[in-house]
Amino acid sequence: MKRDRIIRLTNRISLIAIILLLYWVFIFAVSEVFGFKVFRENITESFYLSIIGILAVLMGAVIVNVMFNLTKISEVLGAREAATAEPASRRKTGPLVLFLLSFPIIFLLLFLGDLRTSGNKERSLVKSARYMLSNNTRIIEHLGDYRFNREYAEDAAAGLKVLSKEDESFPSVRVIVSDSIEGKALFLSFGQHYYEPWDKHDDKTDYIYSCSAAEREYLKSVFEGRSLKHRFSAADGHYELYYPVKTKKGSIVLYFTDRKRYGKY
């Protein structure tokens, strides 16, 4: 009967909508909890808006299904469903297993997508950093001639401001140098903003660069001449690049940061 076909169709539509909703919630939850950045901005926004469409289809299918089922309560159908219940459950075992296995597969794809996004971001930042350094040798040499005084702070702020505006990949650029306070080796950091007046900010403690133990060991190896490799890290859309530079006056580390809410795929 035509009514039976409509009931079966609405059942299938409801099942598909529920499955899509489960996938949507899973992908959203995993992306938020683990900070995966995979999808482009337009795809991410479309993905978020799709929940409205899924809920609308689900509600419409459920309403139609309920309306037709209320007019079709039959013992024959009940007996038929009871007779076929056991074979049906066996037939559905395979799809159920595939459905459950799809969740770890989706998680793996999101993880690999985020990993690939980070890898592409690292290559892009390193390429931009190399290009930037090759075209701003005068600024880099000035940054390498470190002395803790007003002139250096002013020159560093002006030079870093030029570097940050030259490439959109680096909205924030700082220079890290090695120094000491009362005989204790520390790292100081100068940014794009110069403190005025200098007399109120002539204490080295105002410029101490705080970092993790791993980052501290990395910077120590750079300034001791044991390594000139860059260091890249990515977490929840926040990208950091430590790029060591050896100048005629000494070694410095340029610290580039960027933040992206979306991925690339």
Protein backbone atom coordinates (compact mmCIF):
# COMPACT_ATOMS: atom_id res chain seq x y z
CA MET A 1 0.00 0.00 0.00
CA LYS A 2 1.00 3.58 -0.58
CA ARG A 3 0.70 4.27 3.15
CA ASP A 4 3.10 1.43 3.96
CA ARG A 5 5.68 2.84 1.56
CA ILE A 6 5.39 6.28 3.17
CA ILE A 7 5.88 4.76 6.64
CA ARG A 8 8.97 2.83 5.50
CA LEU A 9 10.33 5.94 3.79
CA THR A 10 9.84 8.13 6.86
CA ASN A 11 11.46 5.46 9.04
CA ARG A 12 14.51 5.43 6.79
CA ILE A 13 14.68 9.21 6.68
CA SER A 14 14.46 9.36 10.48
CA LEU A 15 17.18 6.72 10.86
CA ILE A 16 19.50 8.50 8.42
CA ALA A 17 18.90 11.84 10.14
CA ILE A 18 19.65 10.33 13.56
CA ILE A 19 22.86 8.75 12.27
CA LEU A 20 23.95 12.05 10.69
CA LEU A 21 23.14 13.81 13.96
CA LEU A 22 25.27 11.34 15.91
CA TYR A 23 28.17 11.83 13.51
CA TRP A 24 27.76 15.62 13.71
CA VAL A 25 27.83 15.60 17.52
CA PHE A 26 30.83 13.25 17.57
CA ILE A 27 32.85 15.31 15.09
CA PHE A 28 32.00 18.55 16.87
CA ALA A 29 32.84 17.14 20.32
CA VAL A 30 36.15 15.62 19.20
CA SER A 31 37.18 18.79 17.37
CA GLU A 32 36.44 20.96 20.39
CA VAL A 33 37.97 18.66 23.03
CA PHE A 34 41.17 17.88 21.13
CA GLY A 35 41.43 21.19 19.31
CA PHE A 36 41.56 19.65 15.83
CA LYS A 37 41.72 22.24 13.06
CA VAL A 38 40.86 20.46 9.81
CA PHE A 39 38.11 22.19 7.85
CA ARG A 40 38.23 25.51 6.08
CA GLU A 41 36.20 28.43 7.38
CA ASN A 42 33.33 28.14 4.88
CA ILE A 43 33.10 24.37 5.35
CA THR A 44 33.15 24.75 9.14
CA GLU A 45 30.34 27.31 9.07
CA SER A 46 28.30 25.15 6.67
CA PHE A 47 28.92 22.18 8.95
CA TYR A 48 27.57 24.08 11.95
CA LEU A 49 24.52 25.32 10.05
CA SER A 50 23.74 21.82 8.76
CA ILE A 51 22.47 20.83 12.22
CA ILE A 52 19.40 22.99 11.62
CA GLY A 53 18.62 21.16 8.39
CA ILE A 54 19.16 17.74 9.98
CA LEU A 55 16.82 18.55 12.87
CA ALA A 56 14.19 19.94 10.49
CA VAL A 57 14.25 16.78 8.34
CA LEU A 58 14.17 14.56 11.43
CA MET A 59 11.19 16.38 12.96
CA GLY A 60 9.27 16.35 9.70
CA ALA A 61 9.86 12.63 9.13
CA VAL A 62 8.86 11.77 12.71
CA ILE A 63 5.63 13.80 12.49
CA VAL A 64 4.61 12.20 9.19
CA ASN A 65 5.52 8.74 10.48
CA VAL A 66 3.48 9.19 13.66
CA MET A 67 0.46 10.45 11.73
CA PHE A 68 0.40 7.43 9.42
CA ASN A 69 1.15 4.91 12.17
CA LEU A 70 -1.74 6.17 14.28
CA THR A 71 -4.09 5.14 11.47
CA LYS A 72 -2.46 1.74 10.97
CA ILE A 73 -2.48 -0.36 14.12
CA SER A 74 -2.85 -3.95 13.05
CA GLU A 75 -2.34 -7.35 14.67
CA VAL A 76 -1.17 -8.73 11.35
CA LEU A 77 1.72 -6.27 11.24
CA GLY A 78 2.53 -7.08 14.89
CA ALA A 79 2.65 -10.80 14.13
CA ARG A 80 4.76 -10.21 11.04
CA GLU A 81 7.26 -8.11 13.01
CA ALA A 82 7.47 -10.77 15.75
CA ALA A 83 8.07 -13.52 13.20
CA THR A 84 10.88 -11.65 11.50
CA ALA A 85 12.45 -10.10 14.60
CA GLU A 86 15.19 -12.72 15.03
CA PRO A 87 16.38 -12.82 11.37
CA ALA A 88 16.29 -9.02 11.25
CA SER A 89 18.54 -8.75 14.29
CA ARG A 90 21.04 -11.08 12.66
CA ARG A 91 20.98 -9.07 9.45
CA LYS A 92 21.62 -5.87 11.33
CA THR A 93 24.67 -7.15 13.21
CA GLY A 94 27.01 -6.33 10.32
CA PRO A 95 25.83 -2.75 9.76
CA LEU A 96 25.89 -2.15 13.52
CA VAL A 97 29.53 -3.25 13.74
CA LEU A 98 30.44 -1.02 10.78
CA PHE A 99 28.58 1.88 12.38
CA LEU A 100 30.50 1.48 15.65
CA LEU A 101 33.82 1.11 13.81
CA SER A 102 33.16 4.31 11.88
CA PHE A 103 33.69 6.44 14.99
CA PRO A 104 37.37 5.54 15.57
CA ILE A 105 37.90 5.89 11.81
CA ILE A 106 36.41 9.40 11.88
CA PHE A 107 38.59 10.26 14.89
CA LEU A 108 41.67 9.02 13.04
CA LEU A 109 40.78 11.05 9.95
CA LEU A 110 40.29 14.19 12.05
CA PHE A 111 43.62 13.59 13.79
CA LEU A 112 45.45 13.07 10.50
CA GLY A 113 43.75 16.12 8.99
CA ASP A 114 44.84 18.25 11.95
CA LEU A 115 48.35 16.80 11.70
CA ARG A 116 48.50 17.61 8.00
CA THR A 117 47.22 21.13 8.64
CA SER A 118 49.97 21.65 11.23
CA GLY A 119 52.61 20.23 8.87
CA ASN A 120 51.56 22.53 6.04
CA LYS A 121 51.48 25.45 8.45
CA GLU A 122 55.02 24.69 9.62
CA ARG A 123 56.36 24.52 6.07
CA SER A 124 54.57 27.75 5.20
CA LEU A 125 55.91 29.61 8.26
CA VAL A 126 59.47 28.39 7.76
CA LYS A 127 59.38 29.36 4.08
CA SER A 128 58.04 32.81 4.95
CA ALA A 129 60.65 33.24 7.69
CA ARG A 130 63.50 32.41 5.31
CA TYR A 131 62.18 34.81 2.70
CA MET A 132 61.71 37.51 5.32
CA LEU A 133 65.26 37.13 6.65
CA SER A 134 66.84 37.18 3.21
CA ASN A 135 65.10 40.46 2.41
CA ASN A 136 65.73 42.23 5.72
CA THR A 137 69.41 41.60 6.44
CA ARG A 138 69.95 45.10 7.85
CA ILE A 139 67.18 44.71 10.42
CA ILE A 140 68.40 41.24 11.39
CA GLU A 141 71.96 42.49 11.90
CA HIS A 142 70.66 45.28 14.14
CA LEU A 143 68.71 42.73 16.18
CA GLY A 144 71.83 40.58 16.48
CA ASP A 145 73.83 43.48 17.93
CA TYR A 146 72.24 43.08 21.36
CA ARG A 147 72.88 45.48 24.21
CA PHE A 148 70.45 46.15 27.01
CA ASN A 149 69.80 49.84 26.47
CA ARG A 150 67.22 52.23 25.12
CA GLU A 151 68.64 52.33 21.59
CA TYR A 152 68.39 48.58 21.17
CA ALA A 153 64.82 48.46 22.50
CA GLU A 154 63.79 51.21 20.07
CA ASP A 155 65.53 49.63 17.08
CA ALA A 156 64.09 46.20 17.94
CA ALA A 157 60.53 47.55 18.17
CA ALA A 158 60.82 49.37 14.85
CA GLY A 159 62.44 46.45 13.05
CA LEU A 160 60.00 43.85 14.38
CA LYS A 161 57.08 46.05 13.39
CA VAL A 162 58.36 46.04 9.80
CA LEU A 163 58.81 42.27 9.83
CA SER A 164 55.32 41.64 11.21
CA LYS A 165 53.65 43.82 8.58
CA GLU A 166 55.62 42.40 5.70
CA ASP A 167 54.06 38.94 5.88
CA GLU A 168 50.51 38.17 7.01
CA SER A 169 51.70 34.77 8.28
CA PHE A 170 53.41 36.50 11.20
CA PRO A 171 51.02 38.86 12.98
CA SER A 172 53.28 38.68 16.04
CA VAL A 173 57.08 38.68 15.97
CA ARG A 174 59.48 38.93 18.92
CA VAL A 175 63.23 38.61 19.30
CA ILE A 176 64.72 36.48 22.07
CA VAL A 177 68.26 37.08 23.30
CA SER A 178 70.49 35.55 25.94
CA ASP A 179 71.48 37.58 28.98
CA SER A 180 72.00 37.21 32.72
CA ILE A 181 70.73 38.79 35.92
CA GLU A 182 73.03 38.67 38.94
CA GLY A 183 75.03 35.90 37.31
CA LYS A 184 72.00 33.78 36.43
CA ALA A 185 71.57 33.03 32.72
CA LEU A 186 68.17 34.07 31.42
CA PHE A 187 66.42 34.82 28.15
CA LEU A 188 65.04 38.26 27.41
CA SER A 189 62.38 39.09 24.85
CA PHE A 190 61.71 42.31 22.95
CA GLY A 191 58.53 42.95 21.01
CA GLN A 192 57.02 45.45 18.59
CA HIS A 193 56.00 47.87 21.33
CA TYR A 194 58.57 50.12 22.97
CA TYR A 195 58.03 51.22 26.55
CA GLU A 196 57.95 54.97 27.17
CA PRO A 197 59.67 56.34 29.10
CA TRP A 198 62.66 54.03 29.21
CA ASP A 199 63.60 55.09 32.75
CA LYS A 200 60.57 53.23 34.12
CA HIS A 201 61.35 50.07 32.18
CA ASP A 202 65.12 49.78 32.35
CA ASP A 203 64.98 46.68 34.55
CA LYS A 204 65.87 43.42 32.83
CA THR A 205 63.20 41.58 34.80
CA ASP A 206 60.57 43.43 32.72
CA TYR A 207 61.86 41.62 29.63
CA ILE A 208 62.39 38.09 30.96
CA TYR A 209 60.97 35.52 28.55
CA SER A 210 58.89 32.89 30.37
CA CYS A 211 58.73 29.48 28.74
CA SER A 212 58.40 25.77 29.43
CA ALA A 213 61.28 23.50 30.42
CA ALA A 214 61.44 22.01 26.91
CA GLU A 215 61.52 25.45 25.30
CA ARG A 216 64.16 26.60 27.76
CA GLU A 217 66.38 23.64 26.88
CA TYR A 218 65.91 24.37 23.21
CA LEU A 219 66.86 28.03 23.59
CA LYS A 220 69.84 27.05 25.72
CA SER A 221 71.09 24.70 23.00
CA VAL A 222 70.74 27.46 20.39
CA PHE A 223 72.62 30.13 22.32
CA GLU A 224 75.32 27.65 23.31
CA GLY A 225 75.86 26.87 19.63
CA ARG A 226 74.72 23.25 19.85
CA SER A 227 71.74 23.65 17.53
CA LEU A 228 70.43 25.90 14.78
CA LYS A 229 67.24 23.97 14.07
CA HIS A 230 63.91 25.71 14.24
CA ARG A 231 61.24 24.61 16.70
CA PHE A 232 57.57 24.48 15.74
CA SER A 233 54.55 23.71 17.90
CA ALA A 234 50.81 23.70 17.29
CA ALA A 235 48.00 23.44 19.81
CA ASP A 236 44.33 24.29 19.36
CA GLY A 237 44.97 26.54 16.38
CA HIS A 238 47.86 28.37 18.06
CA TYR A 239 51.10 28.09 16.08
CA GLU A 240 54.58 28.96 17.37
CA LEU A 241 57.86 29.04 15.48
CA TYR A 242 61.25 29.58 17.07
CA TYR A 243 63.66 30.46 14.30
CA PRO A 244 67.35 30.82 15.32
CA VAL A 245 69.51 33.28 13.40
CA LYS A 246 73.27 33.61 13.62
CA THR A 247 74.41 37.17 12.88
CA LYS A 248 77.84 38.77 12.78
CA LYS A 249 77.38 40.10 16.31
CA GLY A 250 75.81 37.01 17.87
CA SER A 251 72.89 34.60 17.87
CA ILE A 252 69.25 35.54 18.31
CA VAL A 253 65.97 33.67 18.08
CA LEU A 254 62.98 35.11 16.24
CA TYR A 255 59.73 34.01 17.81
CA PHE A 256 56.79 33.98 15.41
CA THR A 257 53.23 33.27 16.50
CA ASP A 258 49.96 32.93 14.65
CA ARG A 259 46.46 31.80 15.53
CA LYS A 260 43.90 30.28 13.17
CA ARG A 261 40.40 29.19 14.07
CA TYR A 262 40.06 26.96 11.02
CA GLY A 263 42.00 24.33 9.11
CA LYS A 264 42.85 24.04 5.44
CA TYR A 265 40.70 21.18 4.12
